[in-house]
């Protein structure tokens, strides 16, 4: 993985230290953008993966959006060059202060996990005289075939809105005068190496799109995750994820409703 020149540099440094290969990062970003170029995709980088300033600046300059899970991550995303309109605020347990940070920063939208969160954001939007864009994070009950502790899309997991809660939530939309429903969000896990699970996710998303359409509810984006995994066993042979295969699944299987 490291050439002799790099190893010699390491020997001059005090330990411990972090080493980031920025050439590999740029190669990864270029591959990601090339393989997503012929589809209607917007890529967001999750700051929780690595919030090093230099890394964030490189990623933001490539035109990616930011996926944040705290108010401080939103602030850092803006400081390192991300456009506020390309920032998404996800995650459970958002505090009122963090929500207000997102509202006042002018982020793209909030991924919401519950009816209570929608109620809170609506009230804070009203208090700040703002209409706030929100997406529903739905638990699709899809097995990501990754480690049990980083699986997030099964019914037994604590994340997202279960499908049997959707009627109650959508019936309350008329009460949320300061919210605009703009999309759906799905996150099934991290360190995913089996792309087949995304095929199952597409099927479930298509079913849910029809469910919303039957109720006259429209939206303009679908946000999917989680992250593609690193093949630590064959890292030298497979240094980059199969971005082409990943995006092809969504281009071929995901129905796009007007």
Protein backbone atom coordinates (compact mmCIF):
# COMPACT_ATOMS: atom_id res chain seq x y z
CA UNK A 1 0.00 0.00 0.00
CA UNK A 2 2.85 2.43 0.82
CA UNK A 3 5.95 2.97 -1.29
CA UNK A 4 9.42 3.27 0.23
CA UNK A 5 9.43 7.05 -0.05
CA UNK A 6 6.26 7.29 2.04
CA UNK A 7 7.55 4.78 4.59
CA UNK A 8 10.75 6.80 4.98
CA UNK A 9 8.66 9.89 5.73
CA UNK A 10 6.78 7.96 8.39
CA UNK A 11 10.03 7.09 10.13
CA UNK A 12 10.74 10.78 10.69
CA UNK A 13 7.43 11.42 12.46
CA UNK A 14 6.54 11.06 16.10
CA UNK A 15 3.78 8.57 16.77
CA UNK A 16 0.86 8.27 16.94
CA UNK A 17 -0.30 10.21 13.88
CA UNK A 18 -2.99 10.02 11.20
CA UNK A 19 -2.02 9.53 7.58
CA UNK A 20 -4.47 10.47 4.84
CA UNK A 21 -3.62 9.63 1.23
CA UNK A 22 -5.07 12.63 -0.57
CA UNK A 23 -4.21 11.19 -3.98
CA UNK A 24 -6.42 8.18 -3.25
CA UNK A 25 -9.13 10.54 -1.98
CA UNK A 26 -9.04 12.53 -5.23
CA UNK A 27 -9.02 9.33 -7.29
CA UNK A 28 -12.05 8.11 -5.36
CA UNK A 29 -13.91 11.39 -5.85
CA UNK A 30 -13.16 11.42 -9.57
CA UNK A 31 -14.43 7.85 -9.94
CA UNK A 32 -17.52 8.70 -7.93
CA UNK A 33 -18.34 11.74 -10.06
CA UNK A 34 -17.63 10.04 -13.39
CA UNK A 35 -19.88 7.09 -12.58
CA UNK A 36 -22.73 9.27 -11.31
CA UNK A 37 -22.52 11.83 -14.11
CA UNK A 38 -25.11 10.30 -16.46
CA UNK A 39 -27.84 10.07 -13.84
CA UNK A 40 -29.81 12.60 -11.84
CA UNK A 41 -27.68 12.12 -8.71
CA UNK A 42 -26.49 14.51 -6.02
CA UNK A 43 -23.76 13.05 -3.81
CA UNK A 44 -23.50 14.05 -0.14
CA UNK A 45 -20.45 13.34 2.00
CA UNK A 46 -21.11 12.30 5.61
CA UNK A 47 -18.97 14.51 7.83
CA UNK A 48 -19.09 11.91 10.60
CA UNK A 49 -16.79 9.75 8.45
CA UNK A 50 -13.92 12.24 8.68
CA UNK A 51 -14.16 15.95 9.49
CA UNK A 52 -10.53 16.92 8.83
CA UNK A 53 -10.56 20.42 7.35
CA UNK A 54 -8.27 19.64 4.41
CA UNK A 55 -10.34 16.61 3.46
CA UNK A 56 -13.57 18.59 3.68
CA UNK A 57 -12.15 21.38 1.52
CA UNK A 58 -11.11 18.92 -1.19
CA UNK A 59 -14.54 17.28 -1.16
CA UNK A 60 -16.50 20.54 -1.16
CA UNK A 61 -14.44 21.89 -4.07
CA UNK A 62 -15.48 18.82 -6.08
CA UNK A 63 -19.08 20.00 -5.75
CA UNK A 64 -20.40 17.41 -3.32
CA UNK A 65 -23.02 18.18 -0.73
CA UNK A 66 -22.67 17.53 3.01
CA UNK A 67 -24.59 15.12 5.21
CA UNK A 68 -24.49 16.42 8.79
CA UNK A 69 -25.70 14.98 12.09
CA UNK A 70 -25.06 17.93 14.41
CA UNK A 71 -25.18 21.69 14.49
CA UNK A 72 -21.40 21.91 14.70
CA UNK A 73 -21.05 19.72 11.60
CA UNK A 74 -23.31 22.17 9.75
CA UNK A 75 -21.08 25.06 10.83
CA UNK A 76 -17.94 23.19 9.83
CA UNK A 77 -19.39 22.25 6.45
CA UNK A 78 -20.05 25.92 5.68
CA UNK A 79 -16.59 26.94 6.95
CA UNK A 80 -14.90 24.41 4.62
CA UNK A 81 -16.71 25.48 1.48
CA UNK A 82 -19.96 23.54 1.26
CA UNK A 83 -22.92 25.49 -0.08
CA UNK A 84 -25.65 25.67 2.60
CA UNK A 85 -28.22 24.72 -0.04
CA UNK A 86 -26.32 21.42 -0.47
CA UNK A 87 -26.34 20.53 3.24
CA UNK A 88 -28.67 17.89 4.68
CA UNK A 89 -29.27 17.51 8.42
CA UNK A 90 -29.87 13.86 9.39
CA UNK A 91 -29.63 11.86 12.59
CA UNK A 92 -31.65 11.24 15.72
CA UNK A 93 -31.80 13.49 18.77
CA UNK A 94 -31.48 16.90 17.11
CA UNK A 95 -31.61 19.60 19.78
CA UNK A 96 -33.70 22.75 19.35
CA UNK A 97 -30.49 24.79 19.12
CA UNK A 98 -29.14 22.55 16.35
CA UNK A 99 -32.41 22.71 14.43
CA UNK A 100 -32.37 26.52 14.63
CA UNK A 101 -28.77 26.46 13.35
CA UNK A 102 -29.94 24.46 10.34
CA UNK A 103 -32.90 26.75 9.72
CA UNK A 104 -30.88 29.97 9.95
CA UNK A 105 -28.05 28.53 7.83
CA UNK A 106 -30.53 27.82 5.04
CA UNK A 107 -29.74 24.13 4.63
CA UNK A 108 -31.45 22.07 1.95
CA UNK A 109 -33.65 19.95 4.23
CA UNK A 110 -33.94 17.95 7.45
CA UNK A 111 -34.26 14.16 7.42
CA UNK A 112 -36.92 13.55 10.07
CA UNK A 113 -37.22 10.43 12.20
CA UNK A 114 -40.58 10.83 13.95
CA UNK A 115 -43.84 12.71 14.27
CA UNK A 116 -42.46 14.46 17.35
CA UNK A 117 -39.46 15.74 15.39
CA UNK A 118 -41.74 17.09 12.67
CA UNK A 119 -43.80 18.89 15.31
CA UNK A 120 -40.67 20.41 16.86
CA UNK A 121 -39.24 21.62 13.55
CA UNK A 122 -42.62 23.08 12.58
CA UNK A 123 -42.78 25.08 15.83
CA UNK A 124 -39.19 26.29 15.48
CA UNK A 125 -39.84 27.22 11.86
CA UNK A 126 -42.88 29.21 12.97
CA UNK A 127 -40.85 30.95 15.67
CA UNK A 128 -38.24 31.95 13.10
CA UNK A 129 -40.80 32.86 10.42
CA UNK A 130 -39.43 30.22 8.03
CA UNK A 131 -40.87 27.45 5.89
CA UNK A 132 -38.59 24.46 6.47
CA UNK A 133 -37.95 21.65 3.99
CA UNK A 134 -38.26 18.18 5.49
CA UNK A 135 -37.88 14.60 4.28
CA UNK A 136 -39.17 11.50 6.02
CA UNK A 137 -36.62 8.90 7.04
CA UNK A 138 -38.46 5.63 6.57
CA UNK A 139 -37.26 2.32 7.95
CA UNK A 140 -37.56 -0.01 4.91
CA UNK A 141 -36.95 -3.26 6.84
CA UNK A 142 -34.06 -4.21 4.53
CA UNK A 143 -31.11 -6.31 5.72
CA UNK A 144 -27.89 -4.57 4.63
CA UNK A 145 -25.89 -7.79 5.22
CA UNK A 146 -23.30 -5.91 7.21
CA UNK A 147 -22.24 -6.08 10.86
CA UNK A 148 -25.20 -6.26 13.24
CA UNK A 149 -24.14 -3.14 15.16
CA UNK A 150 -24.02 -0.95 12.03
CA UNK A 151 -27.27 -2.18 10.48
CA UNK A 152 -29.88 0.59 10.53
CA UNK A 153 -32.67 -0.46 8.16
CA UNK A 154 -34.38 -3.35 9.95
CA UNK A 155 -37.64 -3.02 11.88
CA UNK A 156 -35.78 -3.96 15.06
CA UNK A 157 -33.42 -1.00 14.64
CA UNK A 158 -34.22 2.27 16.40
CA UNK A 159 -33.82 4.44 13.31
CA UNK A 160 -36.47 5.93 11.07
CA UNK A 161 -40.24 5.90 10.78
CA UNK A 162 -41.83 2.47 10.58
CA UNK A 163 -44.21 1.92 7.70
CA UNK A 164 -47.15 1.39 10.03
CA UNK A 165 -46.65 4.97 11.32
CA UNK A 166 -46.92 6.60 7.91
CA UNK A 167 -50.69 7.07 7.93
CA UNK A 168 -50.60 8.96 11.21
CA UNK A 169 -47.71 11.14 10.07
CA UNK A 170 -49.07 12.02 6.63
CA UNK A 171 -52.50 12.72 8.12
CA UNK A 172 -50.79 15.41 10.23
CA UNK A 173 -49.19 17.18 7.26
CA UNK A 174 -52.06 19.68 7.10
CA UNK A 175 -51.21 20.80 10.64
CA UNK A 176 -47.63 21.72 9.73
CA UNK A 177 -47.95 25.18 8.21
CA UNK A 178 -44.20 25.82 8.45
CA UNK A 179 -43.02 22.58 6.86
CA UNK A 180 -42.65 21.62 3.22
CA UNK A 181 -42.50 17.89 2.49
CA UNK A 182 -39.75 17.48 -0.11
CA UNK A 183 -38.54 13.87 -0.06
CA UNK A 184 -37.91 10.43 1.37
CA UNK A 185 -34.77 9.22 3.10
CA UNK A 186 -33.55 5.64 3.56
CA UNK A 187 -30.42 4.46 5.38
CA UNK A 188 -29.91 0.71 5.75
CA UNK A 189 -26.41 0.46 7.25
CA UNK A 190 -22.70 1.13 6.93
CA UNK A 191 -19.72 -0.75 5.48
CA UNK A 192 -21.97 -2.32 2.80
CA UNK A 193 -20.12 -4.60 0.37
CA UNK A 194 -23.03 -6.59 -1.09
CA UNK A 195 -24.66 -4.39 -3.75
CA UNK A 196 -27.59 -6.79 -4.03
CA UNK A 197 -29.12 -5.22 -0.91
CA UNK A 198 -29.65 -1.99 -2.84
CA UNK A 199 -31.81 -3.88 -5.34
CA UNK A 200 -34.10 -4.86 -2.49
CA UNK A 201 -34.08 -1.25 -1.31
CA UNK A 202 -35.14 -0.01 -4.76
CA UNK A 203 -38.09 -2.41 -4.80
CA UNK A 204 -39.23 -1.16 -1.38
CA UNK A 205 -38.79 2.49 -2.40
CA UNK A 206 -40.90 1.92 -5.52
CA UNK A 207 -43.66 0.42 -3.38
CA UNK A 208 -43.56 3.42 -1.06
CA UNK A 209 -43.58 5.89 -3.94
CA UNK A 210 -46.83 4.33 -5.13
CA UNK A 211 -48.20 4.52 -1.58
CA UNK A 212 -47.54 8.27 -1.45
CA UNK A 213 -48.84 8.82 -5.01
CA UNK A 214 -52.10 7.06 -4.15
CA UNK A 215 -52.58 9.64 -1.40
CA UNK A 216 -51.80 12.60 -3.63
CA UNK A 217 -48.49 13.33 -1.90
CA UNK A 218 -45.59 14.40 -4.11
CA UNK A 219 -41.93 15.10 -3.41
CA UNK A 220 -38.82 15.99 -5.42
CA UNK A 221 -35.99 13.81 -4.14
CA UNK A 222 -35.11 10.39 -2.75
CA UNK A 223 -32.08 10.18 -0.44
CA UNK A 224 -30.49 6.73 -0.05
CA UNK A 225 -27.68 5.29 2.07
CA UNK A 226 -25.54 4.11 3.66
CA UNK A 227 -21.95 3.94 2.76
CA UNK A 228 -20.17 1.49 0.49
CA UNK A 229 -17.70 -0.59 2.43
CA UNK A 230 -13.94 -1.01 2.18
CA UNK A 231 -12.66 -4.45 1.19
CA UNK A 232 -10.03 -4.74 3.91
CA UNK A 233 -9.11 -8.28 2.80
CA UNK A 234 -8.22 -7.25 -0.76
CA UNK A 235 -7.54 -3.57 -0.24
CA UNK A 236 -4.65 -3.41 -2.73
CA UNK A 237 -6.63 -5.12 -5.50
CA UNK A 238 -9.91 -3.29 -4.78
CA UNK A 239 -8.89 0.14 -3.57
CA UNK A 240 -12.11 1.77 -4.85
CA UNK A 241 -15.74 0.72 -4.35
CA UNK A 242 -17.76 -0.43 -7.37
CA UNK A 243 -19.37 2.94 -8.01
CA UNK A 244 -20.44 1.96 -11.53
CA UNK A 245 -22.32 -1.09 -10.30
CA UNK A 246 -23.82 0.92 -7.46
CA UNK A 247 -25.25 3.72 -9.58
CA UNK A 248 -26.41 1.32 -12.30
CA UNK A 249 -28.67 -0.41 -9.78
CA UNK A 250 -30.53 2.83 -9.07
CA UNK A 251 -30.63 3.88 -12.73
CA UNK A 252 -32.10 0.54 -13.76
CA UNK A 253 -34.40 -0.29 -10.85
CA UNK A 254 -35.52 2.89 -9.16
CA UNK A 255 -38.72 4.29 -10.62
CA UNK A 256 -38.67 8.06 -11.00
CA UNK A 257 -42.14 9.54 -10.56
CA UNK A 258 -42.87 13.06 -11.82
